[in-house]
């Protein structure tokens, strides 16, 4: 039983880092979207041509696209780590984020129950 507990604790550490990474990427997407919106509002408020700052606007939009791709990749990594968890013999649910949808709304084979303390 002690070996399983050790595995679970190690896996929980990885899960905590995964959840933090997912949250950071989501926050970066939201922040970049606010930047893009703020740039458009500033241009309108200053009554300057759409040509002004067009390259910067394109770069911010490109950044959002890249962050979205990073989000897709980390979600896929999450799915793969759930498979690894089972492969190494961990059948317990790991603790993490509270704001996930109820387990009933997720496919049973992909659920890693999560609840963040504090």
N, C-alpha and C. Protein backbone atom coordinates (compact mmCIF):
# COMPACT_ATOMS: atom_id res chain seq x y z
N UNK A 1 0.83 -1.20 0.00
CA UNK A 1 0.00 0.00 0.00
C UNK A 1 0.87 1.26 0.00
N UNK A 2 2.03 1.20 0.67
CA UNK A 2 2.89 2.37 0.74
C UNK A 2 3.42 2.78 -0.63
N UNK A 3 3.75 1.80 -1.50
CA UNK A 3 4.22 2.09 -2.84
C UNK A 3 3.18 2.83 -3.66
N UNK A 4 1.92 2.43 -3.52
CA UNK A 4 0.84 3.11 -4.24
C UNK A 4 0.68 4.53 -3.73
N UNK A 5 0.78 4.71 -2.43
CA UNK A 5 0.67 6.04 -1.86
C UNK A 5 1.77 6.94 -2.38
N UNK A 6 3.01 6.42 -2.44
CA UNK A 6 4.12 7.21 -2.98
C UNK A 6 3.86 7.59 -4.43
N UNK A 7 3.39 6.63 -5.24
CA UNK A 7 3.08 6.91 -6.64
C UNK A 7 2.01 7.99 -6.74
N UNK A 8 1.01 7.88 -5.89
CA UNK A 8 -0.09 8.85 -5.92
C UNK A 8 0.41 10.25 -5.57
N UNK A 9 1.28 10.33 -4.57
CA UNK A 9 1.82 11.65 -4.19
C UNK A 9 2.66 12.25 -5.31
N UNK A 10 3.47 11.43 -5.97
CA UNK A 10 4.28 11.91 -7.09
C UNK A 10 3.37 12.37 -8.22
N UNK A 11 2.36 11.56 -8.53
CA UNK A 11 1.41 11.91 -9.60
C UNK A 11 0.65 13.18 -9.25
N UNK A 12 0.32 13.35 -7.96
CA UNK A 12 -0.38 14.57 -7.55
C UNK A 12 0.48 15.80 -7.79
N UNK A 13 1.78 15.68 -7.57
CA UNK A 13 2.69 16.79 -7.85
C UNK A 13 2.68 17.16 -9.33
N UNK A 14 2.68 16.15 -10.19
CA UNK A 14 2.61 16.40 -11.63
C UNK A 14 1.26 17.02 -11.97
N UNK A 15 0.19 16.49 -11.40
CA UNK A 15 -1.15 17.03 -11.66
C UNK A 15 -1.25 18.49 -11.24
N UNK A 16 -0.68 18.83 -10.09
CA UNK A 16 -0.70 20.23 -9.64
C UNK A 16 -0.01 21.14 -10.64
N UNK A 17 1.13 20.70 -11.17
CA UNK A 17 1.85 21.50 -12.17
C UNK A 17 1.05 21.60 -13.46
N UNK A 18 0.40 20.51 -13.84
CA UNK A 18 -0.44 20.52 -15.04
C UNK A 18 -1.57 21.52 -14.89
N UNK A 19 -2.28 21.47 -13.75
CA UNK A 19 -3.40 22.38 -13.52
C UNK A 19 -2.91 23.84 -13.53
N UNK A 20 -1.76 24.10 -12.93
CA UNK A 20 -1.21 25.45 -12.91
C UNK A 20 -0.86 25.92 -14.33
N UNK A 21 -0.33 25.02 -15.13
CA UNK A 21 0.02 25.37 -16.51
C UNK A 21 -1.24 25.67 -17.31
N UNK A 22 -2.27 24.85 -17.17
CA UNK A 22 -3.53 25.09 -17.87
C UNK A 22 -4.10 26.46 -17.49
N UNK A 23 -4.08 26.75 -16.20
CA UNK A 23 -4.61 28.02 -15.71
C UNK A 23 -3.79 29.20 -16.24
N UNK A 24 -2.47 29.06 -16.29
CA UNK A 24 -1.61 30.13 -16.78
C UNK A 24 -1.86 30.41 -18.26
N UNK A 25 -2.03 29.35 -19.04
CA UNK A 25 -2.30 29.54 -20.47
C UNK A 25 -3.64 30.24 -20.66
N UNK A 26 -4.66 29.80 -19.94
CA UNK A 26 -5.98 30.46 -20.04
C UNK A 26 -5.88 31.94 -19.65
N UNK A 27 -5.13 32.22 -18.60
CA UNK A 27 -4.97 33.62 -18.16
C UNK A 27 -4.23 34.43 -19.22
N UNK A 28 -3.23 33.84 -19.85
CA UNK A 28 -2.48 34.54 -20.89
C UNK A 28 -3.37 34.84 -22.10
N UNK A 29 -4.22 33.89 -22.46
CA UNK A 29 -5.16 34.12 -23.57
C UNK A 29 -6.09 35.27 -23.24
N UNK A 30 -6.65 35.25 -22.04
CA UNK A 30 -7.57 36.31 -21.62
C UNK A 30 -6.88 37.67 -21.60
N UNK A 31 -5.66 37.70 -21.09
CA UNK A 31 -4.92 38.96 -21.01
C UNK A 31 -4.60 39.50 -22.40
N UNK A 32 -4.18 38.62 -23.31
CA UNK A 32 -3.86 39.03 -24.67
C UNK A 32 -5.11 39.52 -25.40
N UNK A 33 -6.25 38.88 -25.15
CA UNK A 33 -7.50 39.32 -25.77
C UNK A 33 -7.87 40.71 -25.26
N UNK A 34 -7.66 40.95 -23.97
CA UNK A 34 -7.93 42.29 -23.42
C UNK A 34 -6.99 43.33 -24.03
N UNK A 35 -5.74 42.94 -24.23
CA UNK A 35 -4.77 43.83 -24.87
C UNK A 35 -5.25 44.20 -26.27
N UNK A 36 -5.65 43.21 -27.04
CA UNK A 36 -6.12 43.45 -28.40
C UNK A 36 -7.33 44.38 -28.42
N UNK A 37 -8.28 44.11 -27.53
CA UNK A 37 -9.45 44.97 -27.42
C UNK A 37 -9.08 46.38 -27.00
N UNK A 38 -8.17 46.48 -26.05
CA UNK A 38 -7.73 47.80 -25.58
C UNK A 38 -7.02 48.58 -26.67
N UNK A 39 -6.25 47.89 -27.49
CA UNK A 39 -5.57 48.56 -28.61
C UNK A 39 -6.59 49.12 -29.60
N UNK A 40 -7.63 48.35 -29.90
CA UNK A 40 -8.67 48.81 -30.83
C UNK A 40 -9.43 49.99 -30.24
N UNK A 41 -9.75 49.90 -28.95
CA UNK A 41 -10.44 51.01 -28.29
C UNK A 41 -9.58 52.27 -28.28
N UNK A 42 -8.30 52.13 -28.01
CA UNK A 42 -7.40 53.28 -27.98
C UNK A 42 -7.30 53.93 -29.35
N UNK A 43 -7.21 53.10 -30.39
CA UNK A 43 -7.13 53.64 -31.75
C UNK A 43 -8.39 54.44 -32.07
N UNK A 44 -9.55 53.88 -31.69
CA UNK A 44 -10.81 54.58 -31.95
C UNK A 44 -10.90 55.87 -31.13
N UNK A 45 -10.50 55.79 -29.88
CA UNK A 45 -10.55 56.97 -29.01
C UNK A 45 -9.63 58.08 -29.51
N UNK A 46 -8.49 57.69 -30.04
CA UNK A 46 -7.53 58.67 -30.57
C UNK A 46 -7.88 59.10 -31.99
N UNK A 47 -8.86 58.44 -32.56
CA UNK A 47 -9.33 58.74 -33.92
C UNK A 47 -8.20 58.69 -34.94
N UNK A 48 -7.48 57.56 -34.89
CA UNK A 48 -6.41 57.36 -35.87
C UNK A 48 -6.83 56.25 -36.84
N UNK A 49 -6.22 56.28 -37.99
CA UNK A 49 -6.52 55.31 -39.04
C UNK A 49 -6.25 53.88 -38.56
N UNK A 50 -6.98 52.94 -39.14
CA UNK A 50 -6.78 51.52 -38.83
C UNK A 50 -5.38 51.07 -39.24
N UNK A 51 -4.77 51.81 -40.14
CA UNK A 51 -3.41 51.48 -40.59
C UNK A 51 -2.40 51.68 -39.45
N UNK A 52 -2.70 52.64 -38.58
CA UNK A 52 -1.80 52.93 -37.46
C UNK A 52 -1.86 51.76 -36.48
N UNK A 53 -0.72 51.18 -36.24
CA UNK A 53 -0.64 50.07 -35.30
C UNK A 53 -1.09 48.74 -35.86
N UNK A 54 -1.32 48.70 -37.19
CA UNK A 54 -1.81 47.47 -37.79
C UNK A 54 -0.87 46.30 -37.58
N UNK A 55 0.42 46.52 -37.71
CA UNK A 55 1.40 45.43 -37.53
C UNK A 55 1.39 44.94 -36.08
N UNK A 56 1.30 45.86 -35.14
CA UNK A 56 1.24 45.46 -33.72
C UNK A 56 -0.05 44.67 -33.45
N UNK A 57 -1.16 45.10 -34.03
CA UNK A 57 -2.42 44.39 -33.88
C UNK A 57 -2.30 42.96 -34.43
N UNK A 58 -1.67 42.84 -35.59
CA UNK A 58 -1.48 41.53 -36.20
C UNK A 58 -0.62 40.64 -35.30
N UNK A 59 0.41 41.21 -34.71
CA UNK A 59 1.30 40.42 -33.83
C UNK A 59 0.56 39.95 -32.57
N UNK A 60 -0.27 40.80 -32.00
CA UNK A 60 -1.03 40.39 -30.82
C UNK A 60 -2.03 39.30 -31.19
N UNK A 61 -2.69 39.45 -32.34
CA UNK A 61 -3.63 38.42 -32.80
C UNK A 61 -2.88 37.10 -33.05
N UNK A 62 -1.70 37.19 -33.60
CA UNK A 62 -0.87 36.00 -33.83
C UNK A 62 -0.50 35.34 -32.50
N UNK A 63 -0.21 36.14 -31.51
CA UNK A 63 0.11 35.62 -30.18
C UNK A 63 -1.08 34.87 -29.60
N UNK A 64 -2.28 35.43 -29.76
CA UNK A 64 -3.48 34.76 -29.26
C UNK A 64 -3.65 33.41 -29.96
N UNK A 65 -3.39 33.38 -31.24
CA UNK A 65 -3.48 32.12 -31.99
C UNK A 65 -2.48 31.10 -31.46
N UNK A 66 -1.27 31.55 -31.19
CA UNK A 66 -0.25 30.63 -30.67
C UNK A 66 -0.59 30.16 -29.26
N UNK A 67 -1.13 31.03 -28.45
CA UNK A 67 -1.55 30.63 -27.11
C UNK A 67 -2.70 29.63 -27.18
N UNK A 68 -3.59 29.81 -28.12
CA UNK A 68 -4.70 28.87 -28.31
C UNK A 68 -4.17 27.50 -28.71
N UNK A 69 -3.15 27.48 -29.55
CA UNK A 69 -2.52 26.21 -29.94
C UNK A 69 -1.83 25.58 -28.71
N UNK A 70 -1.21 26.39 -27.89
CA UNK A 70 -0.59 25.88 -26.66
C UNK A 70 -1.65 25.28 -25.74
N UNK A 71 -2.80 25.92 -25.67
CA UNK A 71 -3.89 25.40 -24.84
C UNK A 71 -4.36 24.04 -25.36
N UNK A 72 -4.50 23.93 -26.67
CA UNK A 72 -4.91 22.66 -27.26
C UNK A 72 -3.89 21.57 -26.93
N UNK A 73 -2.61 21.92 -27.01
CA UNK A 73 -1.56 20.94 -26.72
C UNK A 73 -1.55 20.52 -25.25
N UNK A 74 -1.77 21.45 -24.33
CA UNK A 74 -1.74 21.09 -22.91
C UNK A 74 -2.98 20.27 -22.55
N UNK A 75 -4.10 20.53 -23.21
CA UNK A 75 -5.29 19.71 -22.98
C UNK A 75 -5.03 18.28 -23.46
N UNK A 76 -4.36 18.14 -24.59
CA UNK A 76 -4.02 16.80 -25.08
C UNK A 76 -3.02 16.13 -24.13
N UNK A 77 -2.07 16.88 -23.61
CA UNK A 77 -1.13 16.32 -22.64
C UNK A 77 -1.88 15.84 -21.40
N UNK A 78 -2.90 16.59 -20.99
CA UNK A 78 -3.73 16.21 -19.84
C UNK A 78 -4.38 14.85 -20.10
N UNK A 79 -4.94 14.70 -21.29
CA UNK A 79 -5.56 13.42 -21.65
C UNK A 79 -4.54 12.29 -21.62
N UNK A 80 -3.35 12.54 -22.15
CA UNK A 80 -2.32 11.52 -22.19
C UNK A 80 -1.84 11.17 -20.78
N UNK A 81 -1.71 12.17 -19.92
CA UNK A 81 -1.28 11.90 -18.54
C UNK A 81 -2.33 11.10 -17.78
N UNK A 82 -3.58 11.27 -18.12
CA UNK A 82 -4.63 10.46 -17.50
C UNK A 82 -4.43 8.98 -17.86
N UNK A 83 -4.03 8.74 -19.10
CA UNK A 83 -3.74 7.37 -19.53
C UNK A 83 -2.52 6.84 -18.78
N UNK A 84 -1.48 7.67 -18.67
CA UNK A 84 -0.26 7.26 -17.96
C UNK A 84 -0.59 6.92 -16.51
N UNK A 85 -1.42 7.72 -15.89
CA UNK A 85 -1.82 7.49 -14.50
C UNK A 85 -2.36 6.07 -14.33
N UNK A 86 -3.22 5.68 -15.24
CA UNK A 86 -3.78 4.33 -15.19
C UNK A 86 -2.72 3.28 -15.47
N UNK A 87 -1.85 3.56 -16.44
CA UNK A 87 -0.80 2.61 -16.80
C UNK A 87 0.15 2.31 -15.64
N UNK A 88 0.37 3.29 -14.77
CA UNK A 88 1.29 3.07 -13.65
C UNK A 88 0.56 2.59 -12.40
N UNK A 89 -0.73 2.29 -12.55
CA UNK A 89 -1.47 1.66 -11.47
C UNK A 89 -2.15 2.59 -10.49
N UNK A 90 -2.37 3.84 -10.87
CA UNK A 90 -3.07 4.77 -9.99
C UNK A 90 -4.51 4.85 -10.44
N UNK A 91 -5.40 4.44 -9.58
CA UNK A 91 -6.82 4.44 -9.91
C UNK A 91 -7.59 5.49 -9.10
N UNK A 92 -6.91 6.13 -8.17
CA UNK A 92 -7.57 7.14 -7.35
C UNK A 92 -7.70 8.43 -8.12
N UNK A 93 -8.60 9.27 -7.68
CA UNK A 93 -8.80 10.57 -8.30
C UNK A 93 -7.85 11.58 -7.67
N UNK A 94 -7.25 12.39 -8.52
CA UNK A 94 -6.31 13.39 -8.04
C UNK A 94 -7.04 14.68 -7.70
N UNK A 95 -6.48 15.46 -6.80
CA UNK A 95 -7.12 16.68 -6.32
C UNK A 95 -6.53 17.87 -7.06
N UNK A 96 -7.38 18.80 -7.44
CA UNK A 96 -6.90 19.96 -8.18
C UNK A 96 -7.92 21.08 -8.21
N UNK A 97 -8.35 21.49 -9.37
CA UNK A 97 -9.18 22.67 -9.57
C UNK A 97 -10.65 22.40 -9.25
N UNK A 98 -11.33 23.40 -8.69
CA UNK A 98 -12.72 23.25 -8.31
C UNK A 98 -13.68 23.60 -9.45
N UNK A 99 -13.27 24.44 -10.36
CA UNK A 99 -14.19 24.98 -11.35
C UNK A 99 -14.33 24.12 -12.60
N UNK A 100 -14.14 22.83 -12.47
CA UNK A 100 -14.36 21.93 -13.60
C UNK A 100 -15.83 21.54 -13.63
N UNK A 101 -16.33 21.12 -14.79
CA UNK A 101 -17.73 20.67 -14.85
C UNK A 101 -17.91 19.40 -14.02
N UNK A 102 -19.15 19.14 -13.61
CA UNK A 102 -19.40 17.91 -12.83
C UNK A 102 -18.95 16.69 -13.62
N UNK A 103 -18.49 15.67 -12.90
CA UNK A 103 -18.00 14.45 -13.54
C UNK A 103 -19.03 13.84 -14.47
N UNK A 104 -20.30 13.95 -14.14
CA UNK A 104 -21.34 13.33 -14.96
C UNK A 104 -21.35 13.89 -16.37
N UNK A 105 -20.86 15.12 -16.56
CA UNK A 105 -20.89 15.72 -17.89
C UNK A 105 -19.65 15.38 -18.70
N UNK A 106 -18.69 14.66 -18.12
CA UNK A 106 -17.46 14.29 -18.80
C UNK A 106 -17.46 12.80 -19.10
N UNK A 107 -16.77 12.40 -20.19
CA UNK A 107 -16.64 10.96 -20.45
C UNK A 107 -15.91 10.29 -19.30
N UNK A 108 -16.41 9.17 -18.83
CA UNK A 108 -15.84 8.51 -17.66
C UNK A 108 -14.38 8.12 -17.84
N UNK A 109 -13.96 7.80 -19.06
CA UNK A 109 -12.58 7.37 -19.23
C UNK A 109 -11.58 8.52 -19.25
N UNK A 110 -12.04 9.77 -19.19
CA UNK A 110 -11.11 10.88 -19.23
C UNK A 110 -11.16 11.74 -17.97
N UNK A 111 -11.88 11.30 -16.96
CA UNK A 111 -12.05 12.12 -15.76
C UNK A 111 -10.86 11.97 -14.81
N UNK A 112 -10.31 13.11 -14.45
CA UNK A 112 -9.38 13.18 -13.33
C UNK A 112 -10.04 14.16 -12.39
N UNK A 113 -10.67 13.67 -11.36
CA UNK A 113 -11.40 14.55 -10.44
C UNK A 113 -10.42 15.49 -9.78
N UNK A 114 -10.85 16.72 -9.67
CA UNK A 114 -9.93 17.72 -9.17
C UNK A 114 -10.65 18.68 -8.24
N UNK A 115 -9.97 19.07 -7.21
CA UNK A 115 -10.48 20.06 -6.28
C UNK A 115 -9.29 20.70 -5.62
N UNK A 116 -9.16 22.00 -5.73
CA UNK A 116 -8.01 22.71 -5.18
C UNK A 116 -8.30 23.08 -3.73
N UNK A 117 -7.34 22.80 -2.89
CA UNK A 117 -7.47 23.19 -1.49
C UNK A 117 -7.18 24.68 -1.39
N UNK A 118 -7.96 25.40 -0.59
CA UNK A 118 -7.70 26.82 -0.36
C UNK A 118 -8.14 27.58 -1.49
